[in-house]
């Protein structure tokens, strides 16, 4: 069973550390110009909601965020789970929380951009199991061989 998921500010040391780990993982997988990473300061904006899972000791072990673009469209951003906690349904629980929030605020569509190179297979599986479908480029992302785009109608 996945731990509880809570809305938290990303402006915490442990969330900053998790974002740094995510960035370190992503950096070698795609050229810098095709990496679209929100900073914790951007994640703390009024248009974003950050969801965090913590273990029994209170340590942050996973995160994800919803960025609202307009009255109809939200974007899944910054999904990450500590490697030794993967495979326990935590990513799916965070994705479910993001979707629930999107529905609560009246969004009609969730989209996301992820990498299209080796190393992103677990992300593809998570999104596809969550009901997302591959789609053409979304929002203002460039269409390239380094990005894969997903969407889900709510």
N, C-alpha and C. Protein backbone atom coordinates (compact mmCIF):
# COMPACT_ATOMS: atom_id res chain seq x y z
N UNK A 1 0.84 -1.18 0.00
CA UNK A 1 0.00 0.00 0.00
C UNK A 1 0.88 1.25 0.00
N UNK A 2 0.51 2.21 -0.82
CA UNK A 2 1.28 3.45 -0.92
C UNK A 2 1.04 4.31 0.32
N UNK A 3 2.04 5.07 0.71
CA UNK A 3 1.86 5.98 1.85
C UNK A 3 0.90 7.11 1.49
N UNK A 4 0.41 7.83 2.50
CA UNK A 4 -0.47 8.97 2.20
C UNK A 4 0.26 10.01 1.34
N UNK A 5 -0.52 10.69 0.52
CA UNK A 5 0.00 11.75 -0.35
C UNK A 5 -0.56 13.06 0.19
N UNK A 6 0.31 14.06 0.35
CA UNK A 6 -0.11 15.36 0.87
C UNK A 6 0.36 16.47 -0.05
N UNK A 7 -0.40 17.56 -0.07
CA UNK A 7 0.02 18.77 -0.77
C UNK A 7 1.00 19.49 0.15
N UNK A 8 2.16 19.83 -0.38
CA UNK A 8 3.20 20.50 0.41
C UNK A 8 3.86 21.57 -0.44
N UNK A 9 4.56 22.47 0.24
CA UNK A 9 5.39 23.43 -0.47
C UNK A 9 6.67 22.72 -0.92
N UNK A 10 7.13 23.04 -2.12
CA UNK A 10 8.41 22.48 -2.56
C UNK A 10 9.60 23.21 -1.95
N UNK A 11 9.34 24.30 -1.25
CA UNK A 11 10.42 25.11 -0.68
C UNK A 11 10.88 24.54 0.65
N UNK A 12 11.22 23.26 0.63
CA UNK A 12 11.74 22.54 1.78
C UNK A 12 13.03 21.85 1.35
N UNK A 13 13.96 21.72 2.28
CA UNK A 13 15.25 21.12 1.93
C UNK A 13 15.13 19.74 1.33
N UNK A 14 14.27 18.88 1.90
CA UNK A 14 14.18 17.52 1.38
C UNK A 14 13.55 17.48 -0.01
N UNK A 15 12.66 18.40 -0.31
CA UNK A 15 12.08 18.45 -1.66
C UNK A 15 13.11 19.01 -2.64
N UNK A 16 13.86 20.00 -2.21
CA UNK A 16 14.96 20.52 -3.06
C UNK A 16 15.94 19.39 -3.38
N UNK A 17 16.26 18.55 -2.39
CA UNK A 17 17.18 17.44 -2.62
C UNK A 17 16.58 16.43 -3.60
N UNK A 18 15.29 16.17 -3.48
CA UNK A 18 14.65 15.25 -4.41
C UNK A 18 14.67 15.80 -5.83
N UNK A 19 14.41 17.09 -5.97
CA UNK A 19 14.46 17.72 -7.30
C UNK A 19 15.88 17.62 -7.86
N UNK A 20 16.88 17.82 -7.02
CA UNK A 20 18.27 17.69 -7.47
C UNK A 20 18.56 16.26 -7.94
N UNK A 21 18.05 15.26 -7.24
CA UNK A 21 18.23 13.86 -7.66
C UNK A 21 17.53 13.60 -8.99
N UNK A 22 16.33 14.13 -9.14
CA UNK A 22 15.62 13.98 -10.41
C UNK A 22 16.40 14.62 -11.54
N UNK A 23 16.88 15.83 -11.34
CA UNK A 23 17.66 16.52 -12.37
C UNK A 23 18.93 15.74 -12.71
N UNK A 24 19.60 15.20 -11.70
CA UNK A 24 20.83 14.43 -11.94
C UNK A 24 20.54 13.18 -12.77
N UNK A 25 19.38 12.57 -12.54
CA UNK A 25 19.00 11.40 -13.33
C UNK A 25 18.70 11.80 -14.78
N UNK A 26 17.98 12.90 -14.96
CA UNK A 26 17.53 13.31 -16.29
C UNK A 26 18.63 13.91 -17.16
N UNK A 27 19.57 14.60 -16.55
CA UNK A 27 20.57 15.37 -17.30
C UNK A 27 21.29 14.56 -18.38
N UNK A 28 21.76 13.35 -18.11
CA UNK A 28 22.47 12.63 -19.18
C UNK A 28 21.56 12.00 -20.24
N UNK A 29 20.26 12.02 -20.05
CA UNK A 29 19.35 11.31 -20.95
C UNK A 29 18.93 12.10 -22.18
N UNK A 30 19.00 13.42 -22.13
CA UNK A 30 18.55 14.26 -23.25
C UNK A 30 19.44 15.49 -23.31
N UNK A 31 19.58 16.09 -24.50
CA UNK A 31 20.33 17.34 -24.60
C UNK A 31 19.67 18.43 -23.74
N UNK A 32 20.47 19.34 -23.20
CA UNK A 32 19.92 20.37 -22.31
C UNK A 32 18.77 21.18 -22.91
N UNK A 33 18.82 21.45 -24.20
CA UNK A 33 17.77 22.26 -24.81
C UNK A 33 16.44 21.52 -24.92
N UNK A 34 16.44 20.22 -24.62
CA UNK A 34 15.20 19.44 -24.63
C UNK A 34 14.85 18.93 -23.23
N UNK A 35 15.30 19.65 -22.22
CA UNK A 35 14.93 19.36 -20.84
C UNK A 35 14.16 20.56 -20.32
N UNK A 36 12.99 20.29 -19.80
CA UNK A 36 12.06 21.36 -19.41
C UNK A 36 11.73 21.21 -17.93
N UNK A 37 12.72 21.48 -17.11
CA UNK A 37 12.64 21.23 -15.68
C UNK A 37 12.19 22.47 -14.92
N UNK A 38 11.10 22.33 -14.17
CA UNK A 38 10.69 23.41 -13.28
C UNK A 38 11.62 23.44 -12.07
N UNK A 39 11.97 24.63 -11.62
CA UNK A 39 12.71 24.78 -10.37
C UNK A 39 11.73 24.67 -9.21
N UNK A 40 12.24 24.49 -7.99
CA UNK A 40 11.33 24.45 -6.84
C UNK A 40 10.61 25.78 -6.69
N UNK A 41 11.25 26.88 -7.05
CA UNK A 41 10.59 28.18 -6.98
C UNK A 41 9.42 28.24 -7.96
N UNK A 42 9.59 27.70 -9.16
CA UNK A 42 8.49 27.65 -10.12
C UNK A 42 7.40 26.70 -9.64
N UNK A 43 7.79 25.61 -9.01
CA UNK A 43 6.82 24.66 -8.48
C UNK A 43 6.01 25.26 -7.33
N UNK A 44 6.54 26.31 -6.71
CA UNK A 44 5.85 26.97 -5.60
C UNK A 44 4.90 28.06 -6.07
N UNK A 45 4.79 28.25 -7.38
CA UNK A 45 3.92 29.30 -7.92
C UNK A 45 2.45 28.99 -7.69
N UNK A 46 1.64 30.01 -7.83
CA UNK A 46 0.20 29.88 -7.61
C UNK A 46 -0.46 28.94 -8.62
N UNK A 47 0.20 28.70 -9.75
CA UNK A 47 -0.36 27.83 -10.79
C UNK A 47 0.04 26.36 -10.62
N UNK A 48 0.74 26.04 -9.54
CA UNK A 48 1.23 24.67 -9.35
C UNK A 48 0.84 24.14 -7.96
N UNK A 49 0.62 22.83 -7.92
CA UNK A 49 0.35 22.13 -6.67
C UNK A 49 1.31 20.96 -6.61
N UNK A 50 2.03 20.82 -5.51
CA UNK A 50 3.02 19.76 -5.35
C UNK A 50 2.48 18.71 -4.38
N UNK A 51 2.58 17.46 -4.80
CA UNK A 51 2.13 16.33 -4.00
C UNK A 51 3.36 15.54 -3.55
N UNK A 52 3.39 15.19 -2.26
CA UNK A 52 4.56 14.52 -1.69
C UNK A 52 4.11 13.29 -0.91
N UNK A 53 4.87 12.22 -1.07
CA UNK A 53 4.69 11.01 -0.25
C UNK A 53 5.88 10.93 0.70
N UNK A 54 5.59 10.58 1.94
CA UNK A 54 6.64 10.44 2.96
C UNK A 54 6.55 9.04 3.56
N UNK A 55 7.71 8.51 3.96
CA UNK A 55 7.72 7.21 4.62
C UNK A 55 7.31 7.35 6.08
N UNK A 56 7.32 6.27 6.82
CA UNK A 56 6.88 6.28 8.21
C UNK A 56 7.72 7.20 9.09
N UNK A 57 8.95 7.46 8.68
CA UNK A 57 9.84 8.36 9.43
C UNK A 57 9.66 9.82 9.05
N UNK A 58 8.80 10.10 8.07
CA UNK A 58 8.58 11.47 7.64
C UNK A 58 9.52 11.93 6.54
N UNK A 59 10.30 11.02 5.98
CA UNK A 59 11.23 11.36 4.90
C UNK A 59 10.48 11.40 3.57
N UNK A 60 10.69 12.46 2.82
CA UNK A 60 10.07 12.56 1.49
C UNK A 60 10.65 11.48 0.59
N UNK A 61 9.76 10.69 -0.02
CA UNK A 61 10.21 9.59 -0.87
C UNK A 61 9.72 9.69 -2.31
N UNK A 62 8.74 10.53 -2.56
CA UNK A 62 8.22 10.70 -3.92
C UNK A 62 7.49 12.02 -4.04
N UNK A 63 7.39 12.49 -5.28
CA UNK A 63 6.71 13.76 -5.52
C UNK A 63 6.19 13.80 -6.95
N UNK A 64 5.31 14.74 -7.17
CA UNK A 64 4.80 15.06 -8.50
C UNK A 64 4.02 16.36 -8.38
N UNK A 65 3.80 17.03 -9.51
CA UNK A 65 3.07 18.29 -9.40
C UNK A 65 2.11 18.47 -10.57
N UNK A 66 1.13 19.30 -10.31
CA UNK A 66 0.15 19.71 -11.30
C UNK A 66 0.38 21.19 -11.57
N UNK A 67 0.61 21.52 -12.83
CA UNK A 67 0.74 22.92 -13.24
C UNK A 67 -0.48 23.24 -14.11
N UNK A 68 -1.26 24.23 -13.68
CA UNK A 68 -2.45 24.63 -14.42
C UNK A 68 -2.06 25.66 -15.47
N UNK A 69 -2.44 25.40 -16.71
CA UNK A 69 -2.10 26.31 -17.81
C UNK A 69 -3.24 27.24 -18.18
N UNK A 70 -4.45 26.74 -18.13
CA UNK A 70 -5.63 27.57 -18.40
C UNK A 70 -6.83 26.88 -17.76
N UNK A 71 -8.02 27.36 -18.04
CA UNK A 71 -9.20 26.82 -17.36
C UNK A 71 -9.52 25.38 -17.78
N UNK A 72 -8.87 24.87 -18.81
CA UNK A 72 -9.16 23.51 -19.28
C UNK A 72 -7.99 22.54 -19.16
N UNK A 73 -6.76 23.05 -19.14
CA UNK A 73 -5.59 22.19 -19.29
C UNK A 73 -4.63 22.27 -18.11
N UNK A 74 -4.26 21.11 -17.62
CA UNK A 74 -3.23 20.99 -16.59
C UNK A 74 -2.12 20.09 -17.10
N UNK A 75 -0.96 20.25 -16.49
CA UNK A 75 0.21 19.47 -16.90
C UNK A 75 0.81 18.75 -15.70
N UNK A 76 1.14 17.48 -15.90
CA UNK A 76 1.85 16.69 -14.89
C UNK A 76 3.33 17.02 -15.02
N UNK A 77 3.95 17.40 -13.90
CA UNK A 77 5.36 17.79 -13.90
C UNK A 77 6.10 17.14 -12.73
N UNK A 78 7.40 17.00 -12.87
CA UNK A 78 8.35 16.67 -11.81
C UNK A 78 8.01 15.40 -11.03
N UNK A 79 7.61 14.37 -11.72
CA UNK A 79 7.33 13.08 -11.08
C UNK A 79 8.65 12.40 -10.72
N UNK A 80 8.76 11.96 -9.47
CA UNK A 80 9.98 11.28 -9.02
C UNK A 80 9.66 10.42 -7.81
N UNK A 81 10.28 9.24 -7.77
CA UNK A 81 10.20 8.36 -6.60
C UNK A 81 11.61 7.86 -6.31
N UNK A 82 11.98 7.88 -5.05
CA UNK A 82 13.29 7.36 -4.66
C UNK A 82 13.40 5.92 -5.17
N UNK A 83 14.54 5.57 -5.76
CA UNK A 83 14.68 4.25 -6.39
C UNK A 83 14.31 3.06 -5.50
N UNK A 84 14.69 3.09 -4.24
CA UNK A 84 14.42 1.93 -3.37
C UNK A 84 12.95 1.83 -2.94
N UNK A 85 12.11 2.79 -3.35
CA UNK A 85 10.68 2.74 -3.07
C UNK A 85 9.85 2.47 -4.32
N UNK A 86 10.51 2.32 -5.46
CA UNK A 86 9.78 2.10 -6.71
C UNK A 86 9.14 0.72 -6.73
N UNK A 87 8.07 0.60 -7.48
CA UNK A 87 7.38 -0.67 -7.60
C UNK A 87 6.36 -0.92 -6.51
N UNK A 88 6.07 0.07 -5.69
CA UNK A 88 5.13 -0.07 -4.59
C UNK A 88 3.83 0.72 -4.81
N UNK A 89 3.65 1.26 -6.00
CA UNK A 89 2.42 1.98 -6.31
C UNK A 89 2.42 3.44 -5.88
N UNK A 90 3.57 3.96 -5.46
CA UNK A 90 3.62 5.34 -4.97
C UNK A 90 3.46 6.33 -6.12
N UNK A 91 4.13 6.07 -7.24
CA UNK A 91 3.98 6.95 -8.40
C UNK A 91 2.54 6.98 -8.89
N UNK A 92 1.91 5.82 -8.91
CA UNK A 92 0.51 5.75 -9.32
C UNK A 92 -0.38 6.54 -8.36
N UNK A 93 -0.08 6.45 -7.05
CA UNK A 93 -0.87 7.19 -6.06
C UNK A 93 -0.71 8.70 -6.26
N UNK A 94 0.49 9.15 -6.57
CA UNK A 94 0.70 10.58 -6.81
C UNK A 94 -0.01 11.01 -8.09
N UNK A 95 0.09 10.19 -9.13
CA UNK A 95 -0.60 10.51 -10.37
C UNK A 95 -2.12 10.58 -10.15
N UNK A 96 -2.64 9.69 -9.33
CA UNK A 96 -4.07 9.71 -9.00
C UNK A 96 -4.43 10.99 -8.25
N UNK A 97 -3.58 11.41 -7.32
CA UNK A 97 -3.82 12.65 -6.58
C UNK A 97 -3.80 13.86 -7.51
N UNK A 98 -2.88 13.87 -8.45
CA UNK A 98 -2.81 14.96 -9.43
C UNK A 98 -4.09 15.01 -10.25
N UNK A 99 -4.52 13.85 -10.71
CA UNK A 99 -5.75 13.79 -11.51
C UNK A 99 -6.96 14.24 -10.70
N UNK A 100 -7.03 13.83 -9.45
CA UNK A 100 -8.16 14.24 -8.60
C UNK A 100 -8.18 15.75 -8.41
N UNK A 101 -7.03 16.36 -8.18
CA UNK A 101 -6.97 17.81 -8.03
C UNK A 101 -7.38 18.49 -9.33
N UNK A 102 -6.91 17.97 -10.45
CA UNK A 102 -7.28 18.55 -11.75
C UNK A 102 -8.79 18.53 -11.94
N UNK A 103 -9.42 17.43 -11.59
CA UNK A 103 -10.87 17.34 -11.70
C UNK A 103 -11.55 18.33 -10.74
N UNK A 104 -11.00 18.41 -9.52
CA UNK A 104 -11.58 19.31 -8.51
C UNK A 104 -11.58 20.77 -8.96
N UNK A 105 -10.55 21.17 -9.70
CA UNK A 105 -10.48 22.57 -10.16
C UNK A 105 -11.10 22.75 -11.54
N UNK A 106 -11.74 21.68 -12.05
CA UNK A 106 -12.51 21.80 -13.28
C UNK A 106 -11.74 21.64 -14.57
N UNK A 107 -10.53 21.11 -14.50
CA UNK A 107 -9.77 20.91 -15.73
C UNK A 107 -10.40 19.78 -16.54
N UNK A 108 -10.23 19.85 -17.86
CA UNK A 108 -10.80 18.85 -18.74
C UNK A 108 -9.76 17.94 -19.36
N UNK A 109 -8.49 18.34 -19.23
CA UNK A 109 -7.43 17.59 -19.92
C UNK A 109 -6.13 17.72 -19.14
N UNK A 110 -5.44 16.58 -19.01
CA UNK A 110 -4.09 16.57 -18.46
C UNK A 110 -3.13 16.21 -19.59
N UNK A 111 -1.99 16.88 -19.63
CA UNK A 111 -0.96 16.61 -20.61
C UNK A 111 0.38 16.49 -19.89
N UNK A 112 1.35 15.94 -20.60
CA UNK A 112 2.70 15.93 -20.05
C UNK A 112 3.71 15.68 -21.15
N UNK A 113 4.91 16.10 -20.86
CA UNK A 113 6.07 15.86 -21.72
C UNK A 113 7.05 15.05 -20.90
N UNK A 114 7.57 13.99 -21.50
CA UNK A 114 8.63 13.21 -20.87
C UNK A 114 9.65 12.86 -21.94
N UNK A 115 10.73 12.27 -21.54
CA UNK A 115 11.77 11.93 -22.50
C UNK A 115 11.37 10.77 -23.39
N UNK A 116 12.04 10.69 -24.55
CA UNK A 116 11.75 9.64 -25.52
C UNK A 116 12.96 8.74 -25.74
N UNK A 117 13.95 8.85 -24.88
CA UNK A 117 15.18 8.07 -25.03
C UNK A 117 15.21 6.94 -23.99
N UNK A 118 16.11 5.98 -24.16
CA UNK A 118 16.24 4.93 -23.14
C UNK A 118 16.47 5.55 -21.76
N UNK A 119 15.83 4.96 -20.76
CA UNK A 119 15.88 5.49 -19.40
C UNK A 119 14.53 6.02 -18.94
N UNK A 120 13.64 6.25 -19.90
CA UNK A 120 12.30 6.78 -19.58
C UNK A 120 11.22 5.71 -19.60
N UNK A 121 11.59 4.45 -19.84
CA UNK A 121 10.59 3.39 -19.95
C UNK A 121 9.68 3.28 -18.72
N UNK A 122 10.21 3.40 -17.49
CA UNK A 122 9.31 3.33 -16.34
C UNK A 122 8.26 4.46 -16.33
N UNK A 123 8.65 5.64 -16.79
CA UNK A 123 7.70 6.76 -16.86
C UNK A 123 6.61 6.46 -17.88
N UNK A 124 7.00 5.95 -19.04
CA UNK A 124 5.99 5.62 -20.06
C UNK A 124 4.99 4.62 -19.50
N UNK A 125 5.51 3.59 -18.83
CA UNK A 125 4.63 2.55 -18.28
C UNK A 125 3.66 3.14 -17.25
N UNK A 126 4.17 4.00 -16.38
CA UNK A 126 3.31 4.63 -15.36
C UNK A 126 2.19 5.42 -16.02
N UNK A 127 2.52 6.25 -16.98
CA UNK A 127 1.51 7.10 -17.60
C UNK A 127 0.51 6.27 -18.41
N UNK A 128 1.00 5.28 -19.12
CA UNK A 128 0.09 4.45 -19.92
C UNK A 128 -0.83 3.63 -19.03
N UNK A 129 -0.32 3.09 -17.92
CA UNK A 129 -1.18 2.37 -16.97
C UNK A 129 -2.19 3.32 -16.33
N UNK A 130 -1.84 4.60 -16.24
CA UNK A 130 -2.72 5.60 -15.67
C UNK A 130 -3.76 6.15 -16.64
N UNK A 131 -3.81 5.59 -17.85
CA UNK A 131 -4.82 6.00 -18.81
C UNK A 131 -4.42 7.11 -19.76
N UNK A 132 -3.15 7.49 -19.75
CA UNK A 132 -2.66 8.50 -20.67
C UNK A 132 -2.34 7.85 -22.02
N UNK A 133 -2.53 8.63 -23.09
CA UNK A 133 -2.23 8.17 -24.44
C UNK A 133 -1.18 9.07 -25.06
N UNK A 134 -0.31 8.46 -25.86
CA UNK A 134 0.68 9.23 -26.61
C UNK A 134 -0.08 10.17 -27.55
N UNK A 135 0.43 11.39 -27.67
CA UNK A 135 -0.22 12.40 -28.52
C UNK A 135 0.85 13.26 -29.18
N UNK A 136 0.43 14.12 -30.11
CA UNK A 136 1.39 15.08 -30.70
C UNK A 136 1.87 16.09 -29.63
N UNK A 137 2.86 16.86 -29.99
CA UNK A 137 3.43 17.86 -29.07
C UNK A 137 2.33 18.71 -28.45
N UNK A 138 2.49 19.03 -27.17
CA UNK A 138 1.50 19.80 -26.42
C UNK A 138 2.10 21.12 -25.96
N UNK A 139 1.18 22.04 -25.61
CA UNK A 139 1.56 23.36 -25.08
C UNK A 139 2.57 24.00 -26.02
N UNK A 140 3.64 24.57 -25.47
CA UNK A 140 4.61 25.21 -26.35
C UNK A 140 5.91 24.41 -26.46
N UNK A 141 5.84 23.11 -26.18
CA UNK A 141 7.03 22.27 -26.30
C UNK A 141 7.37 22.04 -27.76
N UNK A 142 8.67 22.04 -28.09
CA UNK A 142 9.05 21.71 -29.46
C UNK A 142 8.87 20.21 -29.70
N UNK A 143 8.47 19.86 -30.90
CA UNK A 143 8.36 18.45 -31.27
C UNK A 143 9.76 17.99 -31.66
N UNK A 144 10.26 16.98 -30.95
CA UNK A 144 11.61 16.49 -31.25
C UNK A 144 11.69 15.01 -30.95
N UNK A 145 12.77 14.41 -31.40
CA UNK A 145 13.00 12.99 -31.14
C UNK A 145 13.33 12.73 -29.66
N UNK A 146 13.52 13.76 -28.86
CA UNK A 146 13.89 13.62 -27.46
C UNK A 146 12.69 13.70 -26.51
N UNK A 147 11.52 14.02 -27.05
CA UNK A 147 10.33 14.16 -26.20
C UNK A 147 9.23 13.22 -26.65
N UNK A 148 8.50 12.74 -25.65
CA UNK A 148 7.27 11.96 -25.88
C UNK A 148 6.18 12.69 -25.10
N UNK A 149 5.03 12.86 -25.74
CA UNK A 149 3.93 13.61 -25.16
C UNK A 149 2.75 12.68 -24.88
N UNK A 150 2.05 12.98 -23.78
CA UNK A 150 0.89 12.21 -23.38
C UNK A 150 -0.25 13.15 -23.05
N UNK A 151 -1.48 12.62 -23.15
CA UNK A 151 -2.67 13.36 -22.76
C UNK A 151 -3.70 12.41 -22.19
N UNK A 152 -4.59 13.00 -21.39
CA UNK A 152 -5.71 12.24 -20.83
C UNK A 152 -6.89 13.19 -20.67
N UNK A 153 -8.03 12.80 -21.22
CA UNK A 153 -9.25 13.58 -21.02
C UNK A 153 -9.82 13.23 -19.65
N UNK A 154 -10.30 14.26 -18.95
CA UNK A 154 -10.85 14.03 -17.62
C UNK A 154 -12.37 14.01 -17.63
